[in-house]
Amino acid sequence: MAITIVLHIQNEEAVVGEIEDLPASNDNMLTIINPRRIDGKDLHYLSENVVTVIWPLHRITFIEIMPSKEEEEIIGFVRE
C-alpha cells in the first residue's frame, strides 16, 4: 500500500508523492513515486515522463505523512 507524503526539501518547494515504505534509520535515499507540487502541478525541474525520483535524505528537511482514506473516516472527539 502506498503512503502519501509531503516532502520538504532544502531550498525547494514542498513535493507530494507516494512511497512504498517509510525510510529506515540506516537509509540514505528516498524513492518517491508520482512526484508533484502541492497544488498537483508538475515539478519544473523534472522531465514530463518522470514517474519515480530518488532523493538523498541529507537534502530533506522533514517528511509529513498524510492520513489514508481509512484514517480520514474515523470520527474523533468533536468540541461543541
N, C-alpha and C. Protein backbone atom coordinates (compact mmCIF):
# COMPACT_ATOMS: atom_id res chain seq x y z
N MET A 1 0.84 -1.18 0.00
CA MET A 1 0.00 0.00 0.00
C MET A 1 0.89 1.24 0.00
N ALA A 2 0.63 2.14 -0.89
CA ALA A 2 1.41 3.36 -1.00
C ALA A 2 1.02 4.35 0.11
N ILE A 3 2.01 5.05 0.62
CA ILE A 3 1.82 6.05 1.66
C ILE A 3 2.04 7.42 1.03
N THR A 4 1.05 8.31 1.13
CA THR A 4 1.18 9.66 0.58
C THR A 4 1.93 10.53 1.57
N ILE A 5 2.94 11.24 1.06
CA ILE A 5 3.76 12.10 1.92
C ILE A 5 3.92 13.48 1.30
N VAL A 6 4.28 14.43 2.14
CA VAL A 6 4.72 15.75 1.69
C VAL A 6 6.18 15.84 2.08
N LEU A 7 7.02 16.01 1.09
CA LEU A 7 8.46 16.02 1.27
C LEU A 7 8.96 17.45 1.23
N HIS A 8 9.63 17.90 2.29
CA HIS A 8 10.17 19.25 2.36
C HIS A 8 11.68 19.16 2.11
N ILE A 9 12.10 19.70 0.97
CA ILE A 9 13.49 19.63 0.54
C ILE A 9 14.13 20.99 0.79
N GLN A 10 15.39 20.98 1.19
CA GLN A 10 16.12 22.22 1.46
C GLN A 10 16.11 23.14 0.24
N ASN A 11 15.74 24.40 0.44
CA ASN A 11 15.75 25.44 -0.58
C ASN A 11 14.88 25.12 -1.79
N GLU A 12 13.85 24.32 -1.62
CA GLU A 12 12.92 23.98 -2.69
C GLU A 12 11.50 24.04 -2.13
N GLU A 13 10.53 24.05 -3.04
CA GLU A 13 9.14 23.97 -2.60
C GLU A 13 8.80 22.53 -2.21
N ALA A 14 7.75 22.36 -1.45
CA ALA A 14 7.36 21.03 -0.98
C ALA A 14 6.89 20.16 -2.15
N VAL A 15 7.12 18.86 -2.03
CA VAL A 15 6.78 17.89 -3.05
C VAL A 15 5.84 16.85 -2.44
N VAL A 16 4.75 16.54 -3.14
CA VAL A 16 3.83 15.50 -2.73
C VAL A 16 4.11 14.27 -3.58
N GLY A 17 4.02 13.10 -2.97
CA GLY A 17 4.23 11.86 -3.70
C GLY A 17 3.88 10.67 -2.83
N GLU A 18 4.10 9.50 -3.38
CA GLU A 18 3.82 8.27 -2.65
C GLU A 18 5.11 7.48 -2.47
N ILE A 19 5.19 6.77 -1.34
CA ILE A 19 6.30 5.87 -1.06
C ILE A 19 5.71 4.52 -0.67
N GLU A 20 6.48 3.47 -0.87
CA GLU A 20 6.01 2.13 -0.51
C GLU A 20 6.19 1.88 0.99
N ASP A 21 7.33 2.28 1.55
CA ASP A 21 7.62 2.09 2.97
C ASP A 21 8.26 3.34 3.54
N LEU A 22 8.09 3.57 4.82
CA LEU A 22 8.77 4.68 5.47
C LEU A 22 10.27 4.41 5.51
N PRO A 23 11.09 5.45 5.42
CA PRO A 23 12.54 5.22 5.44
C PRO A 23 13.01 4.69 6.79
N ALA A 24 13.96 3.77 6.74
CA ALA A 24 14.56 3.21 7.95
C ALA A 24 15.67 4.15 8.42
N SER A 25 16.13 3.94 9.62
CA SER A 25 17.16 4.82 10.19
C SER A 25 18.50 4.71 9.46
N ASN A 26 18.73 3.63 8.74
CA ASN A 26 20.01 3.48 8.04
C ASN A 26 19.89 3.75 6.53
N ASP A 27 18.76 4.25 6.06
CA ASP A 27 18.59 4.58 4.63
C ASP A 27 19.32 5.88 4.28
N ASN A 28 19.80 5.95 3.05
CA ASN A 28 20.46 7.15 2.54
C ASN A 28 19.65 7.86 1.48
N MET A 29 18.72 7.15 0.87
CA MET A 29 17.92 7.67 -0.24
C MET A 29 16.44 7.43 0.03
N LEU A 30 15.60 8.23 -0.61
CA LEU A 30 14.15 8.09 -0.50
C LEU A 30 13.57 8.08 -1.91
N THR A 31 12.85 7.03 -2.26
CA THR A 31 12.25 6.89 -3.58
C THR A 31 10.80 7.37 -3.54
N ILE A 32 10.48 8.37 -4.35
CA ILE A 32 9.15 8.96 -4.42
C ILE A 32 8.51 8.58 -5.74
N ILE A 33 7.28 8.10 -5.69
CA ILE A 33 6.52 7.75 -6.88
C ILE A 33 5.50 8.86 -7.14
N ASN A 34 5.36 9.25 -8.40
CA ASN A 34 4.42 10.28 -8.82
C ASN A 34 4.67 11.62 -8.10
N PRO A 35 5.90 12.17 -8.19
CA PRO A 35 6.18 13.44 -7.52
C PRO A 35 5.45 14.60 -8.21
N ARG A 36 4.94 15.52 -7.40
CA ARG A 36 4.22 16.69 -7.91
C ARG A 36 4.24 17.79 -6.87
N ARG A 37 3.88 19.00 -7.27
CA ARG A 37 3.77 20.09 -6.31
C ARG A 37 2.51 19.90 -5.47
N ILE A 38 2.39 20.64 -4.41
CA ILE A 38 1.23 20.51 -3.53
C ILE A 38 -0.07 20.81 -4.27
N ASP A 39 -0.02 21.74 -5.23
CA ASP A 39 -1.23 22.06 -6.00
C ASP A 39 -1.49 21.07 -7.13
N GLY A 40 -0.69 20.01 -7.25
CA GLY A 40 -0.91 18.97 -8.24
C GLY A 40 -0.19 19.18 -9.56
N LYS A 41 0.47 20.32 -9.73
CA LYS A 41 1.16 20.61 -10.99
C LYS A 41 2.51 19.88 -11.04
N ASP A 42 3.05 19.76 -12.25
CA ASP A 42 4.34 19.10 -12.43
C ASP A 42 5.46 19.94 -11.83
N LEU A 43 6.54 19.27 -11.43
CA LEU A 43 7.72 19.96 -10.94
C LEU A 43 8.51 20.47 -12.14
N HIS A 44 8.88 21.74 -12.13
CA HIS A 44 9.52 22.35 -13.29
C HIS A 44 10.90 21.77 -13.60
N TYR A 45 11.57 21.18 -12.64
CA TYR A 45 12.91 20.67 -12.85
C TYR A 45 12.94 19.19 -13.23
N LEU A 46 11.77 18.56 -13.41
CA LEU A 46 11.71 17.16 -13.85
C LEU A 46 11.16 17.09 -15.27
N SER A 47 11.58 16.10 -16.03
CA SER A 47 11.02 15.86 -17.36
C SER A 47 9.57 15.43 -17.24
N GLU A 48 8.81 15.57 -18.34
CA GLU A 48 7.38 15.30 -18.31
C GLU A 48 7.04 13.85 -17.98
N ASN A 49 7.85 12.91 -18.43
CA ASN A 49 7.51 11.49 -18.29
C ASN A 49 8.05 10.84 -17.01
N VAL A 50 8.62 11.60 -16.12
CA VAL A 50 9.21 11.04 -14.90
C VAL A 50 8.11 10.58 -13.96
N VAL A 51 8.24 9.33 -13.50
CA VAL A 51 7.25 8.75 -12.58
C VAL A 51 7.86 8.51 -11.21
N THR A 52 9.17 8.25 -11.16
CA THR A 52 9.85 7.94 -9.90
C THR A 52 11.11 8.79 -9.77
N VAL A 53 11.32 9.34 -8.57
CA VAL A 53 12.51 10.15 -8.29
C VAL A 53 13.14 9.63 -7.01
N ILE A 54 14.47 9.61 -6.98
CA ILE A 54 15.21 9.20 -5.78
C ILE A 54 15.94 10.42 -5.24
N TRP A 55 15.62 10.82 -4.00
CA TRP A 55 16.27 11.96 -3.36
C TRP A 55 17.17 11.48 -2.23
N PRO A 56 18.35 12.09 -2.08
CA PRO A 56 19.20 11.75 -0.93
C PRO A 56 18.58 12.34 0.35
N LEU A 57 18.61 11.58 1.41
CA LEU A 57 17.99 12.03 2.66
C LEU A 57 18.68 13.25 3.27
N HIS A 58 19.95 13.49 2.96
CA HIS A 58 20.61 14.65 3.56
C HIS A 58 20.06 15.98 3.02
N ARG A 59 19.31 15.96 1.90
CA ARG A 59 18.69 17.17 1.36
C ARG A 59 17.28 17.40 1.91
N ILE A 60 16.74 16.43 2.62
CA ILE A 60 15.36 16.50 3.09
C ILE A 60 15.33 17.09 4.50
N THR A 61 14.52 18.13 4.67
CA THR A 61 14.38 18.77 5.98
C THR A 61 13.46 17.95 6.87
N PHE A 62 12.26 17.64 6.38
CA PHE A 62 11.36 16.77 7.12
C PHE A 62 10.31 16.21 6.17
N ILE A 63 9.58 15.19 6.64
CA ILE A 63 8.57 14.50 5.85
C ILE A 63 7.25 14.51 6.62
N GLU A 64 6.18 14.92 5.94
CA GLU A 64 4.84 14.84 6.51
C GLU A 64 4.15 13.60 5.95
N ILE A 65 3.53 12.82 6.81
CA ILE A 65 2.80 11.62 6.38
C ILE A 65 1.31 11.96 6.40
N MET A 66 0.69 11.88 5.24
CA MET A 66 -0.71 12.23 5.10
C MET A 66 -1.59 11.06 5.53
N PRO A 67 -2.76 11.33 6.10
CA PRO A 67 -3.64 10.24 6.54
C PRO A 67 -4.20 9.49 5.35
N SER A 68 -4.43 8.19 5.54
CA SER A 68 -5.03 7.37 4.50
C SER A 68 -6.54 7.59 4.51
N LYS A 69 -7.23 7.04 3.53
CA LYS A 69 -8.69 7.17 3.45
C LYS A 69 -9.36 6.59 4.69
N GLU A 70 -8.84 5.45 5.19
CA GLU A 70 -9.43 4.82 6.36
C GLU A 70 -9.29 5.71 7.59
N GLU A 71 -8.14 6.37 7.73
CA GLU A 71 -7.92 7.24 8.88
C GLU A 71 -8.79 8.48 8.81
N GLU A 72 -9.08 8.98 7.59
CA GLU A 72 -9.93 10.16 7.45
C GLU A 72 -11.36 9.88 7.85
N GLU A 73 -11.81 8.61 7.72
CA GLU A 73 -13.18 8.26 8.04
C GLU A 73 -13.42 8.07 9.54
N ILE A 74 -12.38 7.98 10.32
CA ILE A 74 -12.53 7.82 11.76
C ILE A 74 -13.01 9.12 12.35
N ILE A 75 -14.06 9.05 13.14
CA ILE A 75 -14.62 10.23 13.77
C ILE A 75 -13.96 10.40 15.13
N GLY A 76 -13.36 11.54 15.33
CA GLY A 76 -12.70 11.82 16.60
C GLY A 76 -13.63 12.61 17.49
N PHE A 77 -13.09 13.10 18.59
CA PHE A 77 -13.87 13.91 19.51
C PHE A 77 -14.20 15.26 18.86
N VAL A 78 -15.42 15.67 19.03
CA VAL A 78 -15.87 16.93 18.48
C VAL A 78 -16.13 17.88 19.62
N ARG A 79 -15.53 19.03 19.56
CA ARG A 79 -15.72 20.02 20.62
C ARG A 79 -16.88 20.91 20.27
N GLU A 80 -17.83 20.98 21.15
CA GLU A 80 -19.01 21.80 20.90
C GLU A 80 -19.18 22.84 21.95
